[in-house]
Amino acid sequence: MFLDTAHVSDIREALKTPVFKGVTTNPTILLKEGKIREEQIEEILSAGVKILYVQLLGSTEEELYEDYRKLSALETEAEIRYKISMDFAGLCAVKRIKAENQEANILGTAIYSADQAILAAIAGCDSVAPYVNRMQNNGIDPFDAIRRMRNFFEERELSTEIVAASFKNTQQILDALDHGAHTATIPYDLFQAMIGKDLAAQAIAVFNQHGKDLEEK
């Protein structure tokens, strides 16, 4: 899985576990931290992140491409991956970037339908990010869309992966994975909700107490 945040203290805590391959960000997430993008990228990478997704900025192919060149020039041992919103300009930018560097890893983002994801995969995106909660809020069934995406990719032997995004509860995460998402990018509070079960905490407390009782016998 991936952690969807730019909050460095949360990243450091989450990376103590083996759950997360890396971190995803977007301009909205970065804006919450109140620092310029380059400074935040450096801080996130300093937390030990191995894979970092950064969204390319711009409304035209040229602007997106120029931002790619800017980010690709960063000196880091971590892998920077590029998020591109999937509209016409985004499709054109994917083509241009992949023609220059086939190894550039691109996540097609702002996905709201299966057909949009299919176009992203055909264009050469390595992964796509359907916005689960936002789709539901707009009367779109995200799980049917994910199922259709997965079926299309597998039937045509495309390597594009589905990185489900935009969640408000853990059930949405489970449903996305159950319907074919390869992985998900989740906020830190939902990660805590997934692992911090009250019933589990009660059972653990009992086990620990019984363990102490055994030592006293």
N, C-alpha and C. Protein backbone atom coordinates (compact mmCIF):
# COMPACT_ATOMS: atom_id res chain seq x y z
N MET A 1 0.83 -1.19 0.00
CA MET A 1 0.00 0.00 0.00
C MET A 1 0.88 1.26 0.00
N PHE A 2 0.20 2.40 -0.21
CA PHE A 2 0.88 3.69 -0.16
C PHE A 2 0.18 4.58 0.86
N LEU A 3 0.94 5.50 1.43
CA LEU A 3 0.41 6.42 2.41
C LEU A 3 0.12 7.74 1.72
N ASP A 4 -1.09 8.23 1.87
CA ASP A 4 -1.53 9.43 1.16
C ASP A 4 -1.46 10.63 2.09
N THR A 5 -0.30 11.25 2.16
CA THR A 5 -0.09 12.37 3.07
C THR A 5 1.23 13.07 2.75
N ALA A 6 1.37 14.28 3.29
CA ALA A 6 2.66 14.96 3.24
C ALA A 6 3.12 15.30 4.66
N HIS A 7 2.40 14.79 5.65
CA HIS A 7 2.72 15.07 7.05
C HIS A 7 3.87 14.17 7.47
N VAL A 8 5.03 14.76 7.67
CA VAL A 8 6.26 13.99 7.84
C VAL A 8 6.23 13.12 9.10
N SER A 9 5.67 13.62 10.19
CA SER A 9 5.65 12.80 11.42
C SER A 9 4.80 11.56 11.22
N ASP A 10 3.69 11.69 10.50
CA ASP A 10 2.86 10.52 10.20
C ASP A 10 3.61 9.54 9.29
N ILE A 11 4.34 10.08 8.35
CA ILE A 11 5.11 9.22 7.44
C ILE A 11 6.15 8.42 8.22
N ARG A 12 6.85 9.09 9.12
CA ARG A 12 7.87 8.39 9.91
C ARG A 12 7.26 7.26 10.74
N GLU A 13 6.11 7.52 11.34
CA GLU A 13 5.44 6.49 12.13
C GLU A 13 5.00 5.33 11.26
N ALA A 14 4.37 5.63 10.13
CA ALA A 14 3.86 4.58 9.26
C ALA A 14 4.97 3.71 8.68
N LEU A 15 6.12 4.32 8.39
CA LEU A 15 7.23 3.58 7.80
C LEU A 15 7.95 2.68 8.79
N LYS A 16 7.56 2.75 10.06
CA LYS A 16 8.08 1.79 11.03
C LYS A 16 7.50 0.41 10.78
N THR A 17 6.38 0.35 10.06
CA THR A 17 5.75 -0.91 9.71
C THR A 17 6.19 -1.31 8.30
N PRO A 18 5.96 -2.57 7.91
CA PRO A 18 6.32 -3.01 6.55
C PRO A 18 5.18 -2.85 5.55
N VAL A 19 4.15 -2.09 5.93
CA VAL A 19 2.93 -2.04 5.12
C VAL A 19 3.08 -1.19 3.87
N PHE A 20 3.82 -0.08 3.97
CA PHE A 20 3.80 0.93 2.91
C PHE A 20 5.04 0.89 2.02
N LYS A 21 4.78 0.86 0.71
CA LYS A 21 5.86 0.90 -0.28
C LYS A 21 6.36 2.32 -0.50
N GLY A 22 5.50 3.29 -0.24
CA GLY A 22 5.88 4.67 -0.48
C GLY A 22 4.77 5.62 -0.12
N VAL A 23 4.88 6.84 -0.62
CA VAL A 23 3.97 7.92 -0.27
C VAL A 23 3.41 8.57 -1.53
N THR A 24 2.13 8.93 -1.48
CA THR A 24 1.53 9.70 -2.57
C THR A 24 1.16 11.08 -2.06
N THR A 25 1.31 12.07 -2.92
CA THR A 25 0.92 13.44 -2.58
C THR A 25 0.13 14.02 -3.74
N ASN A 26 -0.49 15.14 -3.47
CA ASN A 26 -1.10 15.95 -4.53
C ASN A 26 -1.04 17.40 -4.08
N PRO A 27 -1.34 18.35 -4.94
CA PRO A 27 -1.23 19.76 -4.54
C PRO A 27 -2.09 20.13 -3.33
N THR A 28 -3.26 19.53 -3.20
CA THR A 28 -4.14 19.82 -2.07
C THR A 28 -3.51 19.37 -0.76
N ILE A 29 -2.93 18.17 -0.76
CA ILE A 29 -2.26 17.65 0.42
C ILE A 29 -1.05 18.53 0.78
N LEU A 30 -0.27 18.91 -0.22
CA LEU A 30 0.92 19.72 0.04
C LEU A 30 0.54 21.11 0.56
N LEU A 31 -0.56 21.65 0.05
CA LEU A 31 -0.98 22.99 0.47
C LEU A 31 -1.30 23.03 1.96
N LYS A 32 -1.82 21.93 2.50
CA LYS A 32 -2.17 21.87 3.92
C LYS A 32 -0.96 22.06 4.82
N GLU A 33 0.22 21.70 4.33
CA GLU A 33 1.43 21.79 5.15
C GLU A 33 2.03 23.18 5.15
N GLY A 34 1.60 24.04 4.23
CA GLY A 34 2.01 25.44 4.24
C GLY A 34 3.45 25.72 3.86
N LYS A 35 4.04 24.82 3.05
CA LYS A 35 5.42 25.03 2.61
C LYS A 35 5.48 24.83 1.10
N ILE A 36 6.51 25.39 0.48
CA ILE A 36 6.65 25.23 -0.97
C ILE A 36 6.89 23.76 -1.30
N ARG A 37 6.52 23.36 -2.52
CA ARG A 37 6.54 21.95 -2.90
C ARG A 37 7.93 21.34 -2.78
N GLU A 38 8.96 22.01 -3.28
CA GLU A 38 10.30 21.44 -3.27
C GLU A 38 10.79 21.17 -1.86
N GLU A 39 10.48 22.09 -0.94
CA GLU A 39 10.89 21.90 0.46
C GLU A 39 10.19 20.69 1.06
N GLN A 40 8.92 20.53 0.76
CA GLN A 40 8.18 19.38 1.29
C GLN A 40 8.68 18.07 0.70
N ILE A 41 9.02 18.07 -0.57
CA ILE A 41 9.56 16.86 -1.20
C ILE A 41 10.84 16.43 -0.47
N GLU A 42 11.71 17.39 -0.20
CA GLU A 42 12.95 17.08 0.50
C GLU A 42 12.68 16.52 1.90
N GLU A 43 11.73 17.11 2.60
CA GLU A 43 11.41 16.64 3.96
C GLU A 43 10.82 15.23 3.94
N ILE A 44 9.95 14.97 2.98
CA ILE A 44 9.34 13.64 2.87
C ILE A 44 10.41 12.60 2.56
N LEU A 45 11.29 12.91 1.64
CA LEU A 45 12.34 11.97 1.28
C LEU A 45 13.30 11.73 2.45
N SER A 46 13.49 12.76 3.26
CA SER A 46 14.40 12.61 4.42
C SER A 46 13.84 11.67 5.46
N ALA A 47 12.53 11.39 5.37
CA ALA A 47 11.90 10.45 6.31
C ALA A 47 12.16 9.00 5.94
N GLY A 48 12.86 8.78 4.84
CA GLY A 48 13.19 7.42 4.43
C GLY A 48 12.28 6.84 3.38
N VAL A 49 11.50 7.68 2.72
CA VAL A 49 10.58 7.22 1.69
C VAL A 49 11.36 6.75 0.47
N LYS A 50 11.02 5.56 -0.03
CA LYS A 50 11.71 4.98 -1.19
C LYS A 50 11.02 5.32 -2.50
N ILE A 51 9.69 5.46 -2.45
CA ILE A 51 8.91 5.81 -3.63
C ILE A 51 8.01 6.98 -3.27
N LEU A 52 8.07 8.06 -4.05
CA LEU A 52 7.25 9.24 -3.79
C LEU A 52 6.54 9.66 -5.07
N TYR A 53 5.22 9.71 -5.00
CA TYR A 53 4.42 10.20 -6.11
C TYR A 53 4.19 11.70 -5.95
N VAL A 54 4.51 12.46 -7.01
CA VAL A 54 4.29 13.90 -7.02
C VAL A 54 3.46 14.24 -8.26
N GLN A 55 2.44 15.06 -8.07
CA GLN A 55 1.57 15.40 -9.19
C GLN A 55 2.19 16.50 -10.04
N LEU A 56 2.20 16.28 -11.35
CA LEU A 56 2.68 17.31 -12.26
C LEU A 56 1.65 18.43 -12.34
N LEU A 57 2.14 19.66 -12.41
CA LEU A 57 1.28 20.83 -12.41
C LEU A 57 1.20 21.43 -13.81
N GLY A 58 0.00 21.83 -14.19
CA GLY A 58 -0.18 22.49 -15.48
C GLY A 58 -1.48 22.08 -16.12
N SER A 59 -1.98 22.94 -17.00
CA SER A 59 -3.23 22.66 -17.71
C SER A 59 -3.01 22.38 -19.18
N THR A 60 -1.75 22.41 -19.61
CA THR A 60 -1.42 22.10 -21.00
C THR A 60 -0.34 21.04 -21.04
N GLU A 61 -0.19 20.40 -22.20
CA GLU A 61 0.87 19.40 -22.37
C GLU A 61 2.23 20.01 -22.06
N GLU A 62 2.48 21.20 -22.57
CA GLU A 62 3.78 21.83 -22.38
C GLU A 62 4.06 22.12 -20.91
N GLU A 63 3.06 22.62 -20.18
CA GLU A 63 3.26 22.91 -18.76
C GLU A 63 3.52 21.63 -17.97
N LEU A 64 2.79 20.58 -18.27
CA LEU A 64 2.99 19.30 -17.58
C LEU A 64 4.37 18.74 -17.88
N TYR A 65 4.77 18.84 -19.13
CA TYR A 65 6.09 18.32 -19.52
C TYR A 65 7.21 19.11 -18.84
N GLU A 66 7.08 20.42 -18.79
CA GLU A 66 8.10 21.23 -18.15
C GLU A 66 8.20 20.92 -16.67
N ASP A 67 7.07 20.66 -16.03
CA ASP A 67 7.11 20.30 -14.61
C ASP A 67 7.76 18.93 -14.43
N TYR A 68 7.51 18.02 -15.36
CA TYR A 68 8.19 16.73 -15.32
C TYR A 68 9.70 16.91 -15.39
N ARG A 69 10.16 17.76 -16.32
CA ARG A 69 11.60 17.98 -16.45
C ARG A 69 12.18 18.55 -15.16
N LYS A 70 11.43 19.43 -14.53
CA LYS A 70 11.88 20.04 -13.27
C LYS A 70 12.02 18.99 -12.17
N LEU A 71 10.99 18.14 -12.03
CA LEU A 71 11.03 17.12 -10.99
C LEU A 71 12.05 16.03 -11.28
N SER A 72 12.19 15.68 -12.54
CA SER A 72 13.12 14.60 -12.90
C SER A 72 14.58 15.02 -12.68
N ALA A 73 14.81 16.31 -12.52
CA ALA A 73 16.17 16.80 -12.29
C ALA A 73 16.57 16.75 -10.81
N LEU A 74 15.62 16.42 -9.93
CA LEU A 74 15.94 16.35 -8.51
C LEU A 74 16.95 15.24 -8.25
N GLU A 75 17.91 15.52 -7.41
CA GLU A 75 18.93 14.54 -7.07
C GLU A 75 18.50 13.79 -5.81
N THR A 76 18.16 12.54 -5.98
CA THR A 76 17.72 11.71 -4.85
C THR A 76 17.91 10.25 -5.20
N GLU A 77 18.15 9.44 -4.18
CA GLU A 77 18.24 7.99 -4.38
C GLU A 77 16.87 7.35 -4.40
N ALA A 78 15.85 8.07 -3.94
CA ALA A 78 14.49 7.54 -3.96
C ALA A 78 13.94 7.62 -5.39
N GLU A 79 12.85 6.89 -5.62
CA GLU A 79 12.21 6.91 -6.93
C GLU A 79 11.06 7.92 -6.91
N ILE A 80 11.18 8.93 -7.76
CA ILE A 80 10.09 9.89 -7.93
C ILE A 80 9.19 9.38 -9.05
N ARG A 81 7.90 9.23 -8.74
CA ARG A 81 6.92 8.84 -9.74
C ARG A 81 5.99 10.02 -10.00
N TYR A 82 5.40 10.04 -11.18
CA TYR A 82 4.70 11.24 -11.63
C TYR A 82 3.21 10.98 -11.78
N LYS A 83 2.42 11.81 -11.09
CA LYS A 83 0.97 11.74 -11.20
C LYS A 83 0.52 12.76 -12.25
N ILE A 84 -0.29 12.30 -13.18
CA ILE A 84 -0.81 13.19 -14.22
C ILE A 84 -2.32 13.03 -14.28
N SER A 85 -3.03 14.14 -14.17
CA SER A 85 -4.49 14.10 -14.27
C SER A 85 -4.89 13.71 -15.69
N MET A 86 -5.88 12.83 -15.77
CA MET A 86 -6.23 12.26 -17.06
C MET A 86 -7.32 13.04 -17.79
N ASP A 87 -6.88 14.13 -18.45
CA ASP A 87 -7.69 14.82 -19.43
C ASP A 87 -6.91 14.80 -20.75
N PHE A 88 -7.34 15.55 -21.73
CA PHE A 88 -6.66 15.50 -23.03
C PHE A 88 -5.19 15.91 -22.92
N ALA A 89 -4.95 17.01 -22.20
CA ALA A 89 -3.56 17.46 -22.02
C ALA A 89 -2.73 16.40 -21.30
N GLY A 90 -3.35 15.73 -20.32
CA GLY A 90 -2.64 14.69 -19.59
C GLY A 90 -2.24 13.53 -20.47
N LEU A 91 -3.15 13.09 -21.33
CA LEU A 91 -2.84 12.01 -22.26
C LEU A 91 -1.67 12.39 -23.16
N CYS A 92 -1.68 13.62 -23.65
CA CYS A 92 -0.60 14.08 -24.53
C CYS A 92 0.73 14.14 -23.78
N ALA A 93 0.67 14.56 -22.52
CA ALA A 93 1.88 14.65 -21.71
C ALA A 93 2.46 13.26 -21.45
N VAL A 94 1.59 12.28 -21.20
CA VAL A 94 2.05 10.91 -20.99
C VAL A 94 2.83 10.43 -22.22
N LYS A 95 2.27 10.65 -23.40
CA LYS A 95 2.93 10.24 -24.64
C LYS A 95 4.30 10.88 -24.77
N ARG A 96 4.37 12.17 -24.50
CA ARG A 96 5.63 12.91 -24.66
C ARG A 96 6.68 12.44 -23.66
N ILE A 97 6.27 12.26 -22.42
CA ILE A 97 7.22 11.84 -21.39
C ILE A 97 7.71 10.42 -21.64
N LYS A 98 6.81 9.54 -22.00
CA LYS A 98 7.20 8.15 -22.26
C LYS A 98 8.09 8.04 -23.49
N ALA A 99 7.89 8.91 -24.48
CA ALA A 99 8.75 8.90 -25.66
C ALA A 99 10.18 9.30 -25.30
N GLU A 100 10.30 10.17 -24.32
CA GLU A 100 11.62 10.63 -23.88
C GLU A 100 12.25 9.65 -22.90
N ASN A 101 11.43 9.10 -22.01
CA ASN A 101 11.94 8.22 -20.96
C ASN A 101 10.92 7.13 -20.66
N GLN A 102 11.09 5.99 -21.26
CA GLN A 102 10.17 4.88 -21.08
C GLN A 102 10.13 4.40 -19.64
N GLU A 103 11.19 4.69 -18.88
CA GLU A 103 11.26 4.24 -17.48
C GLU A 103 10.52 5.17 -16.53
N ALA A 104 10.10 6.33 -16.99
CA ALA A 104 9.35 7.23 -16.12
C ALA A 104 8.05 6.55 -15.69
N ASN A 105 7.84 6.47 -14.41
CA ASN A 105 6.65 5.78 -13.88
C ASN A 105 5.53 6.79 -13.70
N ILE A 106 4.43 6.58 -14.41
CA ILE A 106 3.34 7.56 -14.43
C ILE A 106 2.05 6.95 -13.87
N LEU A 107 1.45 7.68 -12.95
CA LEU A 107 0.14 7.31 -12.38
C LEU A 107 -0.91 8.25 -12.96
N GLY A 108 -1.85 7.69 -13.72
CA GLY A 108 -2.96 8.48 -14.21
C GLY A 108 -3.95 8.73 -13.10
N THR A 109 -4.15 9.99 -12.77
CA THR A 109 -4.96 10.31 -11.60
C THR A 109 -6.21 11.08 -11.99
N ALA A 110 -7.03 11.42 -10.98
CA ALA A 110 -8.34 12.05 -11.19
C ALA A 110 -9.20 11.16 -12.09
N ILE A 111 -9.19 9.86 -11.79
CA ILE A 111 -9.96 8.88 -12.56
C ILE A 111 -11.37 8.74 -11.94
N TYR A 112 -12.38 8.93 -12.79
CA TYR A 112 -13.76 8.86 -12.32
C TYR A 112 -14.60 7.83 -13.08
N SER A 113 -13.97 7.07 -13.97
CA SER A 113 -14.74 6.08 -14.73
C SER A 113 -13.80 5.04 -15.32
N ALA A 114 -14.38 3.90 -15.71
CA ALA A 114 -13.58 2.83 -16.30
C ALA A 114 -13.03 3.24 -17.66
N ASP A 115 -13.85 3.93 -18.47
CA ASP A 115 -13.36 4.29 -19.80
C ASP A 115 -12.20 5.27 -19.73
N GLN A 116 -12.23 6.17 -18.76
CA GLN A 116 -11.11 7.09 -18.55
C GLN A 116 -9.84 6.33 -18.17
N ALA A 117 -9.98 5.33 -17.30
CA ALA A 117 -8.84 4.52 -16.90
C ALA A 117 -8.29 3.71 -18.07
N ILE A 118 -9.18 3.22 -18.92
CA ILE A 118 -8.76 2.45 -20.09
C ILE A 118 -7.93 3.31 -21.03
N LEU A 119 -8.36 4.55 -21.26
CA LEU A 119 -7.58 5.45 -22.11
C LEU A 119 -6.22 5.73 -21.49
N ALA A 120 -6.19 5.88 -20.17
CA ALA A 120 -4.91 6.13 -19.49
C ALA A 120 -3.96 4.95 -19.68
N ALA A 121 -4.49 3.73 -19.57
CA ALA A 121 -3.65 2.54 -19.75
C ALA A 121 -3.13 2.45 -21.18
N ILE A 122 -4.00 2.70 -22.15
CA ILE A 122 -3.59 2.66 -23.56
C ILE A 122 -2.51 3.71 -23.83
N ALA A 123 -2.63 4.87 -23.17
CA ALA A 123 -1.66 5.94 -23.36
C ALA A 123 -0.28 5.59 -22.82
N GLY A 124 -0.25 4.63 -21.87
CA GLY A 124 1.03 4.21 -21.33
C GLY A 124 1.21 4.41 -19.84
N CYS A 125 0.14 4.77 -19.13
CA CYS A 125 0.25 4.94 -17.68
C CYS A 125 0.59 3.61 -17.02
N ASP A 126 1.49 3.65 -16.07
CA ASP A 126 1.87 2.45 -15.33
C ASP A 126 0.81 2.06 -14.31
N SER A 127 0.04 3.04 -13.87
CA SER A 127 -1.03 2.79 -12.91
C SER A 127 -2.09 3.87 -13.05
N VAL A 128 -3.26 3.59 -12.48
CA VAL A 128 -4.36 4.56 -12.49
C VAL A 128 -4.94 4.65 -11.09
N ALA A 129 -5.49 5.82 -10.77
CA ALA A 129 -6.02 6.04 -9.42
C ALA A 129 -7.48 6.46 -9.48
N PRO A 130 -8.40 5.50 -9.39
CA PRO A 130 -9.82 5.85 -9.29
C PRO A 130 -10.11 6.48 -7.93
N TYR A 131 -10.90 7.56 -7.95
CA TYR A 131 -11.23 8.31 -6.73
C TYR A 131 -12.52 7.76 -6.12
N VAL A 132 -12.37 6.80 -5.24
CA VAL A 132 -13.50 6.02 -4.75
C VAL A 132 -14.57 6.87 -4.08
N ASN A 133 -14.20 7.61 -3.03
CA ASN A 133 -15.21 8.37 -2.29
C ASN A 133 -15.82 9.47 -3.14
N ARG A 134 -15.01 10.14 -3.92
CA ARG A 134 -15.54 11.21 -4.78
C ARG A 134 -16.51 10.65 -5.82
N MET A 135 -16.22 9.46 -6.33
CA MET A 135 -17.14 8.84 -7.26
C MET A 135 -18.48 8.54 -6.59
N GLN A 136 -18.41 7.95 -5.41
CA GLN A 136 -19.64 7.64 -4.68
C GLN A 136 -20.45 8.90 -4.39
N ASN A 137 -19.78 9.98 -4.03
CA ASN A 137 -20.46 11.22 -3.72
C ASN A 137 -21.16 11.82 -4.94
N ASN A 138 -20.74 11.41 -6.11
CA ASN A 138 -21.34 11.91 -7.34
C ASN A 138 -22.20 10.87 -8.05
N GLY A 139 -22.64 9.87 -7.29
CA GLY A 139 -23.56 8.89 -7.82
C GLY A 139 -22.95 7.89 -8.79
N ILE A 140 -21.63 7.73 -8.74
CA ILE A 140 -20.93 6.79 -9.61
C ILE A 140 -20.51 5.59 -8.76
N ASP A 141 -20.71 4.39 -9.28
CA ASP A 141 -20.31 3.17 -8.57
C ASP A 141 -18.83 2.93 -8.80
N PRO A 142 -17.97 3.24 -7.83
CA PRO A 142 -16.54 3.08 -8.04
C PRO A 142 -16.09 1.63 -8.13
N PHE A 143 -16.82 0.75 -7.47
CA PHE A 143 -16.40 -0.64 -7.42
C PHE A 143 -16.70 -1.37 -8.72
N ASP A 144 -17.82 -1.04 -9.34
CA ASP A 144 -18.09 -1.58 -10.66
C ASP A 144 -17.08 -1.06 -11.66
N ALA A 145 -16.71 0.22 -11.53
CA ALA A 145 -15.70 0.80 -12.43
C ALA A 145 -14.36 0.11 -12.26
N ILE A 146 -13.98 -0.15 -11.01
CA ILE A 146 -12.70 -0.84 -10.75
C ILE A 146 -12.73 -2.25 -11.34
N ARG A 147 -13.85 -2.94 -11.18
CA ARG A 147 -13.97 -4.28 -11.75
C ARG A 147 -13.80 -4.26 -13.26
N ARG A 148 -14.42 -3.29 -13.91
CA ARG A 148 -14.32 -3.17 -15.37
C ARG A 148 -12.89 -2.84 -15.81
N MET A 149 -12.24 -1.96 -15.07
CA MET A 149 -10.84 -1.64 -15.37
C MET A 149 -9.98 -2.90 -15.30
N ARG A 150 -10.11 -3.60 -14.19
CA ARG A 150 -9.28 -4.79 -13.96
C ARG A 150 -9.52 -5.83 -15.05
N ASN A 151 -10.79 -6.04 -15.41
CA ASN A 151 -11.10 -7.01 -16.46
C ASN A 151 -10.46 -6.62 -17.79
N PHE A 152 -10.55 -5.34 -18.12
CA PHE A 152 -9.97 -4.86 -19.38
C PHE A 152 -8.46 -5.05 -19.39
N PHE A 153 -7.81 -4.67 -18.30
CA PHE A 153 -6.35 -4.78 -18.23
C PHE A 153 -5.90 -6.24 -18.36
N GLU A 154 -6.58 -7.13 -17.67
CA GLU A 154 -6.17 -8.53 -17.67
C GLU A 154 -6.48 -9.21 -19.00
N GLU A 155 -7.63 -8.92 -19.58
CA GLU A 155 -7.99 -9.55 -20.85
C GLU A 155 -7.02 -9.17 -21.96
N ARG A 156 -6.47 -7.97 -21.88
CA ARG A 156 -5.55 -7.50 -22.93
C ARG A 156 -4.10 -7.54 -22.47
N GLU A 157 -3.87 -8.15 -21.32
CA GLU A 157 -2.52 -8.36 -20.78
C GLU A 157 -1.76 -7.04 -20.64
N LEU A 158 -2.47 -6.02 -20.17
CA LEU A 158 -1.83 -4.74 -19.88
C LEU A 158 -1.27 -4.78 -18.47
N SER A 159 -0.13 -4.16 -18.28
CA SER A 159 0.54 -4.20 -16.98
C SER A 159 0.08 -3.07 -16.05
N THR A 160 -0.82 -2.24 -16.50
CA THR A 160 -1.30 -1.11 -15.69
C THR A 160 -1.95 -1.60 -14.40
N GLU A 161 -1.57 -1.00 -13.29
CA GLU A 161 -2.12 -1.37 -12.00
C GLU A 161 -3.14 -0.34 -11.53
N ILE A 162 -4.05 -0.78 -10.69
CA ILE A 162 -5.08 0.09 -10.13
C ILE A 162 -4.68 0.44 -8.70
N VAL A 163 -4.42 1.72 -8.47
CA VAL A 163 -4.09 2.22 -7.14
C VAL A 163 -5.29 3.02 -6.65
N ALA A 164 -6.20 2.36 -5.97
CA ALA A 164 -7.42 3.03 -5.52
C ALA A 164 -7.08 4.16 -4.54
N ALA A 165 -7.84 5.26 -4.65
CA ALA A 165 -7.56 6.44 -3.84
C ALA A 165 -8.87 7.10 -3.42
N SER A 166 -8.75 8.11 -2.56
CA SER A 166 -9.90 8.89 -2.10
C SER A 166 -10.84 8.03 -1.26
N PHE A 167 -10.53 7.94 0.03
CA PHE A 167 -11.34 7.13 0.94
C PHE A 167 -11.77 7.95 2.15
N LYS A 168 -12.95 7.62 2.67
CA LYS A 168 -13.44 8.23 3.91
C LYS A 168 -13.63 7.19 5.01
N ASN A 169 -13.59 5.92 4.65
CA ASN A 169 -13.74 4.87 5.66
C ASN A 169 -13.04 3.61 5.18
N THR A 170 -12.82 2.69 6.11
CA THR A 170 -12.05 1.48 5.78
C THR A 170 -12.84 0.51 4.92
N GLN A 171 -14.17 0.55 4.99
CA GLN A 171 -14.98 -0.35 4.17
C GLN A 171 -14.76 -0.04 2.69
N GLN A 172 -14.62 1.22 2.35
CA GLN A 172 -14.34 1.59 0.96
C GLN A 172 -13.02 0.98 0.48
N ILE A 173 -12.04 0.96 1.35
CA ILE A 173 -10.75 0.36 1.00
C ILE A 173 -10.91 -1.12 0.71
N LEU A 174 -11.60 -1.82 1.61
CA LEU A 174 -11.83 -3.25 1.44
C LEU A 174 -12.61 -3.54 0.16
N ASP A 175 -13.63 -2.75 -0.10
CA ASP A 175 -14.45 -2.97 -1.29
C ASP A 175 -13.65 -2.72 -2.57
N ALA A 176 -12.79 -1.71 -2.55
CA ALA A 176 -11.96 -1.43 -3.73
C ALA A 176 -11.01 -2.59 -4.01
N LEU A 177 -10.37 -3.10 -2.98
CA LEU A 177 -9.47 -4.24 -3.15
C LEU A 177 -10.23 -5.49 -3.57
N ASP A 178 -11.41 -5.68 -2.99
CA ASP A 178 -12.22 -6.85 -3.30
C ASP A 178 -12.69 -6.85 -4.75
N HIS A 179 -12.86 -5.67 -5.33
CA HIS A 179 -13.35 -5.57 -6.70
C HIS A 179 -12.23 -5.45 -7.74
N GLY A 180 -10.98 -5.57 -7.28
CA GLY A 180 -9.91 -5.69 -8.26
C GLY A 180 -8.79 -4.68 -8.20
N ALA A 181 -8.86 -3.72 -7.29
CA ALA A 181 -7.73 -2.80 -7.15
C ALA A 181 -6.49 -3.57 -6.71
N HIS A 182 -5.36 -3.29 -7.34
CA HIS A 182 -4.12 -3.98 -6.96
C HIS A 182 -3.62 -3.53 -5.59
N THR A 183 -3.82 -2.25 -5.31
CA THR A 183 -3.38 -1.69 -4.05
C THR A 183 -4.18 -0.41 -3.80
N ALA A 184 -3.82 0.31 -2.74
CA ALA A 184 -4.54 1.54 -2.41
C ALA A 184 -3.58 2.53 -1.78
N THR A 185 -3.94 3.79 -1.89
CA THR A 185 -3.21 4.82 -1.16
C THR A 185 -4.17 5.42 -0.15
N ILE A 186 -3.78 5.39 1.12
CA ILE A 186 -4.72 5.69 2.20
C ILE A 186 -4.15 6.75 3.14
N PRO A 187 -5.02 7.56 3.73
CA PRO A 187 -4.55 8.53 4.73
C PRO A 187 -4.17 7.83 6.03
N TYR A 188 -3.38 8.54 6.83
CA TYR A 188 -2.85 7.95 8.05
C TYR A 188 -3.96 7.57 9.04
N ASP A 189 -5.02 8.38 9.12
CA ASP A 189 -6.07 8.07 10.10
C ASP A 189 -6.80 6.78 9.75
N LEU A 190 -6.95 6.47 8.45
CA LEU A 190 -7.60 5.21 8.09
C LEU A 190 -6.65 4.03 8.31
N PHE A 191 -5.36 4.24 8.14
CA PHE A 191 -4.39 3.20 8.50
C PHE A 191 -4.52 2.86 9.98
N GLN A 192 -4.62 3.90 10.82
CA GLN A 192 -4.79 3.68 12.26
C GLN A 192 -6.08 2.93 12.55
N ALA A 193 -7.14 3.27 11.82
CA ALA A 193 -8.42 2.60 12.02
C ALA A 193 -8.36 1.13 11.62
N MET A 194 -7.55 0.82 10.60
CA MET A 194 -7.43 -0.56 10.14
C MET A 194 -6.70 -1.43 11.15
N ILE A 195 -5.72 -0.86 11.80
CA ILE A 195 -4.90 -1.67 12.70
C ILE A 195 -5.29 -1.48 14.17
N GLY A 196 -5.99 -0.39 14.51
CA GLY A 196 -6.29 -0.09 15.91
C GLY A 196 -7.68 -0.55 16.32
N LYS A 197 -7.92 -1.84 16.29
CA LYS A 197 -9.23 -2.39 16.64
C LYS A 197 -9.38 -2.52 18.16
N ASP A 198 -10.49 -2.02 18.68
CA ASP A 198 -10.72 -2.09 20.13
C ASP A 198 -10.74 -3.53 20.64
N LEU A 199 -11.41 -4.41 19.91
CA LEU A 199 -11.48 -5.80 20.35
C LEU A 199 -10.10 -6.44 20.37
N ALA A 200 -9.30 -6.12 19.37
CA ALA A 200 -7.93 -6.66 19.34
C ALA A 200 -7.13 -6.12 20.52
N ALA A 201 -7.30 -4.82 20.80
CA ALA A 201 -6.57 -4.22 21.92
C ALA A 201 -6.96 -4.89 23.24
N GLN A 202 -8.24 -5.19 23.40
CA GLN A 202 -8.69 -5.88 24.61
C GLN A 202 -8.09 -7.27 24.72
N ALA A 203 -8.06 -8.00 23.61
CA ALA A 203 -7.49 -9.35 23.62
C ALA A 203 -5.99 -9.31 23.93
N ILE A 204 -5.30 -8.33 23.35
CA ILE A 204 -3.86 -8.20 23.58
C ILE A 204 -3.58 -7.89 25.05
N ALA A 205 -4.42 -7.02 25.62
CA ALA A 205 -4.24 -6.68 27.04
C ALA A 205 -4.41 -7.92 27.92
N VAL A 206 -5.39 -8.76 27.59
CA VAL A 206 -5.61 -10.00 28.34
C VAL A 206 -4.42 -10.93 28.20
N PHE A 207 -3.93 -11.10 26.97
CA PHE A 207 -2.77 -11.97 26.75
C PHE A 207 -1.58 -11.49 27.56
N ASN A 208 -1.33 -10.18 27.55
CA ASN A 208 -0.18 -9.64 28.28
C ASN A 208 -0.34 -9.84 29.79
N GLN A 209 -1.55 -9.65 30.28
CA GLN A 209 -1.78 -9.84 31.71
C GLN A 209 -1.58 -11.30 32.08
N HIS A 210 -2.11 -12.19 31.26
CA HIS A 210 -1.92 -13.62 31.53
C HIS A 210 -0.43 -14.01 31.45
N GLY A 211 0.28 -13.36 30.54
CA GLY A 211 1.72 -13.62 30.46
C GLY A 211 2.43 -13.22 31.73
N LYS A 212 2.05 -12.09 32.29
CA LYS A 212 2.64 -11.65 33.56
C LYS A 212 2.26 -12.61 34.69
N ASP A 213 0.99 -13.07 34.66
CA ASP A 213 0.55 -14.01 35.69
C ASP A 213 1.34 -15.31 35.64
N LEU A 214 1.69 -15.77 34.44
CA LEU A 214 2.48 -16.98 34.30
C LEU A 214 3.85 -16.82 34.90
N GLU A 215 4.44 -15.63 34.73
CA GLU A 215 5.78 -15.39 35.26
C GLU A 215 5.80 -15.39 36.79
N GLU A 216 4.66 -15.11 37.38
CA GLU A 216 4.59 -15.02 38.84
C GLU A 216 4.33 -16.37 39.49
N LYS A 217 4.03 -17.38 38.70
CA LYS A 217 3.71 -18.71 39.27
C LYS A 217 4.98 -19.45 39.66
